[in-house]
């Protein structure tokens, strides 16, 4: 929260950029009041590798957002991502205590589903319900109030490295922020750009970031599969830097200004100026050469996405196709390449919950930040059960004792 009533703030910490968005969440949607951005210098593939650089980026983004919104930011909902993220399916079974499913029964069955074997260096980030089963009645979404004696929950569990979340909270603390919640960035993006119909029919959200490409598959209105792939827009930049023999910073600018994912649509006579390494004179090269460097890497990214979709087992039920978000998807004709490789309908995802300053955040780059605002305002927050970051053993014991007392007294 911020010091203006009803305001929430989101921190999207990515490999290439750090973004802070401030807004008010209501039934009408989101009123964006402030936006701040800063280049990320302390992350690699979505994971913090340099604390001070990350803290500086967070402070700069916060200062810009505060100046635009006219408020003081102290609490944020933050995103987390990277190759350390893992997803798995689980289920739990409990007996219904009073012959009718109550909130306590729901919490107990989710606790049971959460009790998966997790290594000591990992923790449960999200427990995402897929469906509930009461006795022999399957496919239930809202089981509270239904009579029965046996309650089962099928869930998708997302885990992360303990150290990754700890470093995120540590950097925010040093920047003067309190992290209210940590949400998987791709899930936040899904809340911002996907419609309920798409989630019900089956859709794959593909978040092509700078360091990684995240995949989240929905079907039947629930998350069925999550994965993080070790390729992203930074690999395109590195390919351009090596292929054109230009500094990495210049390669990023060239990619953004002249990049195209399909070389065939670029005329060969169009030329661009390419800065050289060191004190050498800039060179003039064909834009077609640049796009011939980009296209194979883009195809490789979506080939990995296609393999992940097949591995999930849901490739035949994605009636809504694929939705792309992330900074890399601003590349010209990237949707065409994705459709060619994935053989599914593809669209570029833009946040659709914003009704104030929409032009400021109407971009796939800001999908995660808008989704985090929804989470912070409890508009699209997934079920979250965690065993750390402030709760501790004593807190969990108190919680379970409170559930027991409410059920029996």
Protein backbone atom coordinates (compact mmCIF):
# COMPACT_ATOMS: atom_id res chain seq x y z
CA UNK A 1 0.00 0.00 0.00
CA UNK A 2 0.95 3.65 -0.27
CA UNK A 3 0.18 6.63 1.90
CA UNK A 4 -2.81 7.51 -0.28
CA UNK A 5 -5.85 5.49 0.74
CA UNK A 6 -6.86 2.70 -1.61
CA UNK A 7 -3.63 2.78 -3.60
CA UNK A 8 -1.50 -0.29 -4.26
CA UNK A 9 1.96 -0.61 -5.78
CA UNK A 10 3.54 -3.34 -7.86
CA UNK A 11 7.22 -4.13 -8.41
CA UNK A 12 8.07 -6.09 -11.56
CA UNK A 13 11.74 -7.00 -11.24
CA UNK A 14 13.04 -8.33 -14.54
CA UNK A 15 16.37 -9.14 -16.14
CA UNK A 16 16.31 -6.08 -18.41
CA UNK A 17 14.17 -3.58 -16.52
CA UNK A 18 12.73 -2.79 -13.12
CA UNK A 19 9.20 -1.41 -13.22
CA UNK A 20 7.03 0.07 -10.45
CA UNK A 21 3.37 0.84 -11.08
CA UNK A 22 1.01 2.61 -8.66
CA UNK A 23 -2.75 2.47 -9.00
CA UNK A 24 -6.14 2.04 -7.41
CA UNK A 25 -7.99 -1.25 -7.92
CA UNK A 26 -11.78 -1.28 -7.90
CA UNK A 27 -14.65 -3.24 -9.45
CA UNK A 28 -14.36 -1.05 -12.54
CA UNK A 29 -10.72 -1.98 -13.05
CA UNK A 30 -7.40 -0.27 -12.43
CA UNK A 31 -6.70 3.44 -12.34
CA UNK A 32 -2.98 3.79 -12.97
CA UNK A 33 -1.57 6.85 -11.22
CA UNK A 34 2.17 6.42 -11.58
CA UNK A 35 4.83 4.47 -13.46
CA UNK A 36 8.56 4.28 -12.90
CA UNK A 37 11.21 2.31 -14.76
CA UNK A 38 14.93 1.72 -14.47
CA UNK A 39 17.40 -0.59 -16.24
CA UNK A 40 18.15 -3.76 -14.28
CA UNK A 41 21.86 -4.29 -13.73
CA UNK A 42 21.87 -6.87 -10.95
CA UNK A 43 19.87 -9.76 -12.40
CA UNK A 44 20.77 -12.67 -14.61
CA UNK A 45 18.03 -14.89 -16.08
CA UNK A 46 15.52 -13.46 -13.62
CA UNK A 47 17.65 -14.13 -10.52
CA UNK A 48 19.36 -11.48 -8.41
CA UNK A 49 23.16 -11.75 -8.67
CA UNK A 50 24.19 -8.28 -7.44
CA UNK A 51 22.34 -6.77 -4.49
CA UNK A 52 23.46 -3.14 -4.65
CA UNK A 53 22.75 -2.76 -8.37
CA UNK A 54 19.29 -4.23 -7.84
CA UNK A 55 18.61 -1.91 -4.89
CA UNK A 56 19.62 1.12 -6.95
CA UNK A 57 17.31 0.11 -9.80
CA UNK A 58 14.40 -0.39 -7.39
CA UNK A 59 14.99 3.01 -5.76
CA UNK A 60 15.11 4.80 -9.11
CA UNK A 61 11.90 3.16 -10.34
CA UNK A 62 10.15 3.91 -7.04
CA UNK A 63 11.21 7.56 -7.13
CA UNK A 64 9.82 7.99 -10.65
CA UNK A 65 6.53 6.32 -9.73
CA UNK A 66 6.20 8.41 -6.56
CA UNK A 67 6.83 11.63 -8.46
CA UNK A 68 4.17 10.82 -11.06
CA UNK A 69 1.57 9.53 -8.59
CA UNK A 70 2.21 12.11 -5.88
CA UNK A 71 2.37 9.52 -3.13
CA UNK A 72 4.88 7.71 -0.97
CA UNK A 73 5.40 4.01 -1.71
CA UNK A 74 6.21 1.75 1.23
CA UNK A 75 4.49 -1.58 0.46
CA UNK A 76 4.60 -3.51 -2.82
CA UNK A 77 3.49 -6.76 -4.39
CA UNK A 78 6.59 -8.11 -6.13
CA UNK A 79 7.12 -10.54 -9.00
CA UNK A 80 9.49 -13.47 -9.03
CA UNK A 81 10.71 -15.59 -11.93
CA UNK A 82 13.70 -17.37 -13.38
CA UNK A 83 14.84 -20.85 -14.21
CA UNK A 84 14.56 -21.97 -10.57
CA UNK A 85 10.74 -21.95 -10.77
CA UNK A 86 9.21 -25.44 -10.83
CA UNK A 87 5.61 -26.61 -11.16
CA UNK A 88 4.05 -29.96 -10.26
CA UNK A 89 0.60 -31.46 -9.83
CA UNK A 90 -0.60 -32.68 -6.45
CA UNK A 91 -3.79 -33.60 -4.65
CA UNK A 92 -5.07 -33.82 -1.10
CA UNK A 93 -7.91 -35.68 0.63
CA UNK A 94 -9.63 -34.91 3.94
CA UNK A 95 -12.81 -35.95 5.72
CA UNK A 96 -15.59 -33.34 5.86
CA UNK A 97 -16.12 -32.63 9.55
CA UNK A 98 -19.75 -31.54 9.79
CA UNK A 99 -21.33 -33.17 6.75
CA UNK A 100 -21.05 -29.96 4.73
CA UNK A 101 -17.92 -28.39 3.26
CA UNK A 102 -16.85 -25.31 5.20
CA UNK A 103 -13.94 -22.91 4.82
CA UNK A 104 -11.95 -24.89 7.39
CA UNK A 105 -12.34 -28.06 5.30
CA UNK A 106 -11.16 -26.16 2.24
CA UNK A 107 -8.06 -24.90 4.01
CA UNK A 108 -7.27 -28.36 5.36
CA UNK A 109 -7.52 -30.03 1.97
CA UNK A 110 -5.28 -27.37 0.41
CA UNK A 111 -2.80 -27.89 3.25
CA UNK A 112 -2.89 -31.62 2.49
CA UNK A 113 -2.30 -30.99 -1.23
CA UNK A 114 0.54 -28.64 -0.38
CA UNK A 115 2.37 -31.33 1.60
CA UNK A 116 4.60 -32.45 -1.27
CA UNK A 117 8.22 -33.52 -0.94
CA UNK A 118 10.18 -30.29 -1.43
CA UNK A 119 13.99 -30.10 -1.00
CA UNK A 120 15.29 -28.00 1.87
CA UNK A 121 16.48 -25.25 -0.49
CA UNK A 122 13.03 -24.82 -2.06
CA UNK A 123 9.67 -23.54 -0.85
CA UNK A 124 6.08 -23.56 -2.04
CA UNK A 125 5.23 -20.30 -3.77
CA UNK A 126 1.64 -20.95 -4.94
CA UNK A 127 -0.99 -23.63 -4.48
CA UNK A 128 -3.40 -23.21 -7.40
CA UNK A 129 -6.64 -25.23 -7.17
CA UNK A 130 -7.72 -26.99 -10.34
CA UNK A 131 -10.85 -28.77 -9.16
CA UNK A 132 -12.50 -30.22 -6.07
CA UNK A 133 -14.14 -33.63 -5.69
CA UNK A 134 -16.80 -34.30 -3.06
CA UNK A 135 -17.46 -38.03 -2.67
CA UNK A 136 -17.92 -39.03 -6.35
CA UNK A 137 -18.91 -35.60 -7.63
CA UNK A 138 -16.06 -34.24 -9.78
CA UNK A 139 -15.25 -30.94 -11.43
CA UNK A 140 -16.38 -28.64 -8.61
CA UNK A 141 -14.98 -25.10 -8.50
CA UNK A 142 -16.74 -23.76 -5.38
CA UNK A 143 -17.28 -26.64 -2.92
CA UNK A 144 -18.26 -24.60 0.15
CA UNK A 145 -21.77 -25.45 1.31
CA UNK A 146 -22.02 -28.76 -0.57
CA UNK A 147 -22.87 -31.82 1.52
CA UNK A 148 -20.49 -34.77 1.58
CA UNK A 149 -18.13 -36.82 3.69
CA UNK A 150 -14.92 -36.83 1.61
CA UNK A 151 -13.28 -33.78 0.06
CA UNK A 152 -10.45 -34.02 -2.46
CA UNK A 153 -8.53 -31.20 -4.14
CA UNK A 154 -6.45 -31.36 -7.30
CA UNK A 155 -3.93 -28.53 -7.40
CA UNK A 156 -0.91 -27.21 -9.25
CA UNK A 157 1.96 -26.38 -6.91
CA UNK A 158 4.59 -23.79 -7.88
CA UNK A 159 7.90 -23.85 -6.01
CA UNK A 160 10.93 -21.57 -6.01
CA UNK A 161 14.37 -21.41 -4.47
CA UNK A 162 14.27 -20.08 -0.92
CA UNK A 163 17.34 -17.92 -1.57
CA UNK A 164 15.77 -16.26 -4.63
CA UNK A 165 12.77 -15.06 -2.63
CA UNK A 166 14.97 -14.06 0.31
CA UNK A 167 17.23 -11.97 -1.93
CA UNK A 168 14.19 -10.29 -3.47
CA UNK A 169 12.80 -9.34 -0.06
CA UNK A 170 16.27 -8.25 1.10
CA UNK A 171 16.77 -5.89 -1.86
CA UNK A 172 13.32 -4.39 -1.37
CA UNK A 173 14.02 -3.86 2.33
CA UNK A 174 17.27 -2.05 1.57
CA UNK A 175 15.35 0.11 -0.90
CA UNK A 176 12.89 1.05 1.87
CA UNK A 177 10.06 -1.23 0.77
CA UNK A 178 8.01 -3.91 2.51
CA UNK A 179 7.01 -6.86 0.32
CA UNK A 180 3.39 -7.77 1.04
CA UNK A 181 3.37 -10.73 -1.32
CA UNK A 182 5.50 -12.45 -3.94
CA UNK A 183 3.74 -13.65 -7.11
CA UNK A 184 5.07 -15.59 -10.07
CA UNK A 185 5.44 -13.01 -12.82
CA UNK A 186 3.88 -15.16 -15.55
CA UNK A 187 0.79 -15.78 -13.40
CA UNK A 188 0.44 -12.04 -12.85
CA UNK A 189 0.70 -11.48 -16.61
CA UNK A 190 -2.01 -14.08 -17.18
CA UNK A 191 -4.39 -12.25 -14.84
CA UNK A 192 -3.78 -9.01 -16.76
CA UNK A 193 -4.18 -10.20 -20.36
CA UNK A 194 -6.25 -13.41 -20.45
CA UNK A 195 -10.04 -13.57 -20.48
CA UNK A 196 -12.05 -16.11 -18.46
CA UNK A 197 -13.21 -17.66 -21.73
CA UNK A 198 -9.62 -18.24 -22.87
CA UNK A 199 -8.71 -19.86 -19.57
CA UNK A 200 -11.76 -22.09 -19.76
CA UNK A 201 -11.27 -23.24 -23.37
CA UNK A 202 -7.52 -23.71 -23.04
CA UNK A 203 -4.71 -21.22 -23.64
CA UNK A 204 -0.94 -21.00 -23.27
CA UNK A 205 0.51 -17.76 -21.97
CA UNK A 206 4.11 -17.30 -23.14
CA UNK A 207 6.09 -14.54 -21.40
CA UNK A 208 9.23 -13.87 -23.46
CA UNK A 209 11.40 -11.87 -21.11
CA UNK A 210 15.02 -10.81 -21.43
CA UNK A 211 16.55 -13.75 -19.58
CA UNK A 212 13.91 -16.51 -19.69
CA UNK A 213 10.71 -17.50 -21.43
CA UNK A 214 7.92 -18.57 -19.07
CA UNK A 215 5.00 -20.77 -20.09
CA UNK A 216 1.69 -21.10 -18.21
CA UNK A 217 -1.04 -23.37 -19.56
CA UNK A 218 -4.70 -22.95 -18.58
CA UNK A 219 -7.60 -25.30 -19.22
CA UNK A 220 -10.96 -25.57 -17.55
CA UNK A 221 -10.35 -22.20 -15.91
CA UNK A 222 -7.33 -23.42 -13.93
CA UNK A 223 -3.54 -23.56 -14.24
CA UNK A 224 -2.46 -26.95 -15.55
CA UNK A 225 1.25 -26.48 -16.24
CA UNK A 226 4.05 -23.98 -15.57
CA UNK A 227 7.61 -23.92 -16.87
CA UNK A 228 10.56 -21.58 -17.34
CA UNK A 229 12.83 -21.92 -20.37
CA UNK A 230 16.45 -20.64 -20.40
CA UNK A 231 16.16 -18.42 -23.50
CA UNK A 232 14.96 -14.86 -23.91
CA UNK A 233 15.45 -11.51 -25.57
CA UNK A 234 18.94 -11.07 -24.14
CA UNK A 235 20.07 -14.00 -26.26
CA UNK A 236 18.88 -12.14 -29.36
CA UNK A 237 20.90 -9.12 -28.25
CA UNK A 238 24.01 -11.25 -27.70
CA UNK A 239 23.61 -12.82 -31.14
CA UNK A 240 23.39 -9.37 -32.74
CA UNK A 241 26.43 -8.12 -30.81
CA UNK A 242 28.50 -11.10 -31.96
CA UNK A 243 27.17 -11.22 -35.50
CA UNK A 244 27.50 -7.52 -36.23
CA UNK A 245 30.58 -7.01 -34.03
CA UNK A 246 29.00 -4.18 -32.06
CA UNK A 247 28.81 -3.42 -28.31
CA UNK A 248 25.98 -5.12 -26.44
CA UNK A 249 24.30 -1.83 -25.51
CA UNK A 250 24.27 -0.79 -29.18
CA UNK A 251 23.02 -4.24 -30.19
CA UNK A 252 20.02 -3.77 -27.89
CA UNK A 253 19.22 -0.40 -29.48
CA UNK A 254 19.56 -1.86 -32.99
CA UNK A 255 17.26 -4.74 -32.07
CA UNK A 256 14.59 -2.39 -30.75
CA UNK A 257 14.76 0.05 -33.70
CA UNK A 258 15.35 -2.21 -36.67
CA UNK A 259 14.76 -5.78 -35.50
CA UNK A 260 12.31 -8.08 -37.27
CA UNK A 261 11.58 -11.75 -36.60
CA UNK A 262 11.05 -12.57 -40.29
CA UNK A 263 13.89 -11.77 -42.65
CA UNK A 264 11.78 -12.49 -45.75
CA UNK A 265 9.64 -9.37 -45.24
CA UNK A 266 12.64 -7.03 -45.02
CA UNK A 267 13.98 -5.54 -48.25
CA UNK A 268 17.68 -6.12 -48.83
CA UNK A 269 18.44 -2.57 -49.95
CA UNK A 270 17.42 -1.05 -46.60
CA UNK A 271 20.60 -0.13 -44.71
CA UNK A 272 21.36 0.63 -41.08
CA UNK A 273 24.37 2.16 -39.34
CA UNK A 274 26.13 -0.20 -36.95
CA UNK A 275 28.58 1.19 -34.33
CA UNK A 276 31.84 -0.73 -34.11
CA UNK A 277 33.73 -1.96 -31.07
CA UNK A 278 36.48 0.31 -29.78
CA UNK A 279 37.36 3.44 -31.74
CA UNK A 280 36.64 1.98 -35.17
CA UNK A 281 34.36 3.81 -37.57
CA UNK A 282 30.68 2.79 -37.73
CA UNK A 283 29.70 0.50 -40.60
CA UNK A 284 26.67 0.46 -42.86
CA UNK A 285 25.02 -2.93 -43.24
CA UNK A 286 21.83 -4.30 -44.73
CA UNK A 287 18.89 -4.58 -42.33
CA UNK A 288 18.23 -7.97 -43.92
CA UNK A 289 21.47 -9.28 -42.40
CA UNK A 290 20.29 -8.19 -38.94
CA UNK A 291 17.01 -10.02 -39.36
CA UNK A 292 18.76 -13.16 -40.59
CA UNK A 293 20.58 -13.19 -37.23
CA UNK A 294 17.38 -12.67 -35.24
CA UNK A 295 15.05 -15.12 -36.98
CA UNK A 296 16.81 -18.43 -36.10
CA UNK A 297 16.96 -17.54 -32.40
CA UNK A 298 13.28 -16.56 -32.33
CA UNK A 299 12.42 -19.86 -34.00
CA UNK A 300 14.52 -21.70 -31.40
CA UNK A 301 12.65 -20.01 -28.54
CA UNK A 302 9.27 -21.08 -29.91
CA UNK A 303 10.53 -24.57 -30.71
CA UNK A 304 11.34 -24.92 -27.01
CA UNK A 305 7.89 -23.57 -26.17
CA UNK A 306 6.31 -26.12 -28.52
CA UNK A 307 8.22 -28.97 -26.84
CA UNK A 308 7.08 -27.73 -23.42
CA UNK A 309 3.45 -27.62 -24.53
CA UNK A 310 3.72 -31.18 -25.84
CA UNK A 311 5.42 -32.27 -22.60
CA UNK A 312 2.51 -30.83 -20.61
CA UNK A 313 0.05 -33.09 -22.46
CA UNK A 314 -2.35 -30.22 -23.21
CA UNK A 315 -1.36 -29.50 -26.82
CA UNK A 316 -4.70 -30.82 -28.12
CA UNK A 317 -6.94 -28.67 -25.91
CA UNK A 318 -5.55 -25.17 -26.49
CA UNK A 319 -8.62 -23.93 -28.32
CA UNK A 320 -7.74 -20.31 -27.53
CA UNK A 321 -4.22 -20.68 -28.85
CA UNK A 322 -1.24 -18.76 -27.47
CA UNK A 323 -0.96 -15.29 -25.95
CA UNK A 324 2.44 -13.58 -25.99
CA UNK A 325 3.64 -11.03 -23.44
CA UNK A 326 7.01 -9.60 -22.42
CA UNK A 327 9.30 -7.01 -23.94
CA UNK A 328 10.68 -9.29 -26.63
CA UNK A 329 7.27 -9.77 -28.27
CA UNK A 330 7.38 -6.14 -29.46
CA UNK A 331 9.69 -7.41 -32.20
CA UNK A 332 8.05 -7.02 -35.61
CA UNK A 333 6.38 -10.16 -37.01
CA UNK A 334 7.20 -12.26 -33.94
CA UNK A 335 3.58 -13.38 -33.83
CA UNK A 336 3.88 -14.74 -37.38
CA UNK A 337 6.93 -16.80 -36.46
CA UNK A 338 5.18 -18.09 -33.32
CA UNK A 339 2.14 -19.21 -35.34
CA UNK A 340 4.37 -20.93 -37.90
CA UNK A 341 6.34 -22.86 -35.26
CA UNK A 342 3.57 -23.59 -32.75
CA UNK A 343 0.82 -24.18 -35.34
CA UNK A 344 -1.66 -22.43 -33.09
CA UNK A 345 -3.43 -19.06 -33.28
CA UNK A 346 -1.31 -16.38 -31.60
CA UNK A 347 -2.09 -12.90 -30.31
CA UNK A 348 -0.06 -10.26 -28.48
CA UNK A 349 -1.39 -9.74 -24.95
CA UNK A 350 -2.15 -6.24 -23.70
CA UNK A 351 -3.53 -5.49 -20.20
CA UNK A 352 -7.30 -5.11 -20.43
CA UNK A 353 -8.25 -4.10 -16.87
CA UNK A 354 -6.95 -0.51 -17.11
CA UNK A 355 -9.34 2.42 -17.58
CA UNK A 356 -7.15 5.36 -16.52
CA UNK A 357 -3.84 6.23 -18.19
CA UNK A 358 -4.32 3.08 -20.25
CA UNK A 359 -2.00 4.40 -22.97
CA UNK A 360 0.79 4.50 -20.39
CA UNK A 361 0.73 0.75 -19.77
CA UNK A 362 -1.00 -0.57 -22.92
CA UNK A 363 1.91 -2.81 -23.80
CA UNK A 364 2.89 -6.46 -23.31
CA UNK A 365 5.90 -5.14 -21.39
CA UNK A 366 3.65 -4.04 -18.52
CA UNK A 367 1.43 -7.12 -18.35
CA UNK A 368 3.14 -8.48 -15.22
CA UNK A 369 3.03 -5.14 -13.40
CA UNK A 370 -0.72 -4.73 -14.03
CA UNK A 371 -1.32 -8.30 -12.92
CA UNK A 372 0.60 -7.59 -9.73
CA UNK A 373 -1.66 -4.60 -9.07
CA UNK A 374 -4.65 -6.92 -9.41
CA UNK A 375 -3.01 -9.31 -6.96
CA UNK A 376 -2.25 -6.50 -4.54
CA UNK A 377 -5.86 -5.34 -4.72
CA UNK A 378 -7.11 -8.94 -4.34
CA UNK A 379 -8.62 -8.72 -7.80
CA UNK A 380 -6.85 -11.74 -9.23
CA UNK A 381 -4.69 -13.10 -6.47
CA UNK A 382 -4.10 -16.88 -6.55
CA UNK A 383 -4.51 -19.00 -3.44
CA UNK A 384 -1.29 -18.55 -1.53
CA UNK A 385 -0.06 -20.85 1.20
CA UNK A 386 3.50 -20.40 2.33
CA UNK A 387 5.63 -21.50 5.21
CA UNK A 388 8.08 -18.68 5.43
CA UNK A 389 8.77 -14.97 5.07
CA UNK A 390 7.30 -13.82 8.35
CA UNK A 391 4.93 -16.62 9.30
CA UNK A 392 7.32 -19.06 10.95
CA UNK A 393 6.44 -22.22 12.85
CA UNK A 394 4.64 -20.37 15.62
CA UNK A 395 2.47 -18.51 13.12
CA UNK A 396 1.51 -21.73 11.36
CA UNK A 397 0.62 -23.40 14.67
CA UNK A 398 -1.57 -20.45 15.64
CA UNK A 399 -3.27 -20.59 12.24
CA UNK A 400 -4.06 -24.29 12.53
CA UNK A 401 -5.27 -23.92 16.13
CA UNK A 402 -7.54 -21.09 15.04
CA UNK A 403 -8.99 -23.28 12.26
CA UNK A 404 -9.61 -26.08 14.77
CA UNK A 405 -11.36 -23.81 17.24
CA UNK A 406 -13.58 -22.28 14.54
CA UNK A 407 -14.60 -25.72 13.29
CA UNK A 408 -15.53 -27.19 16.66
CA UNK A 409 -16.71 -24.17 18.61
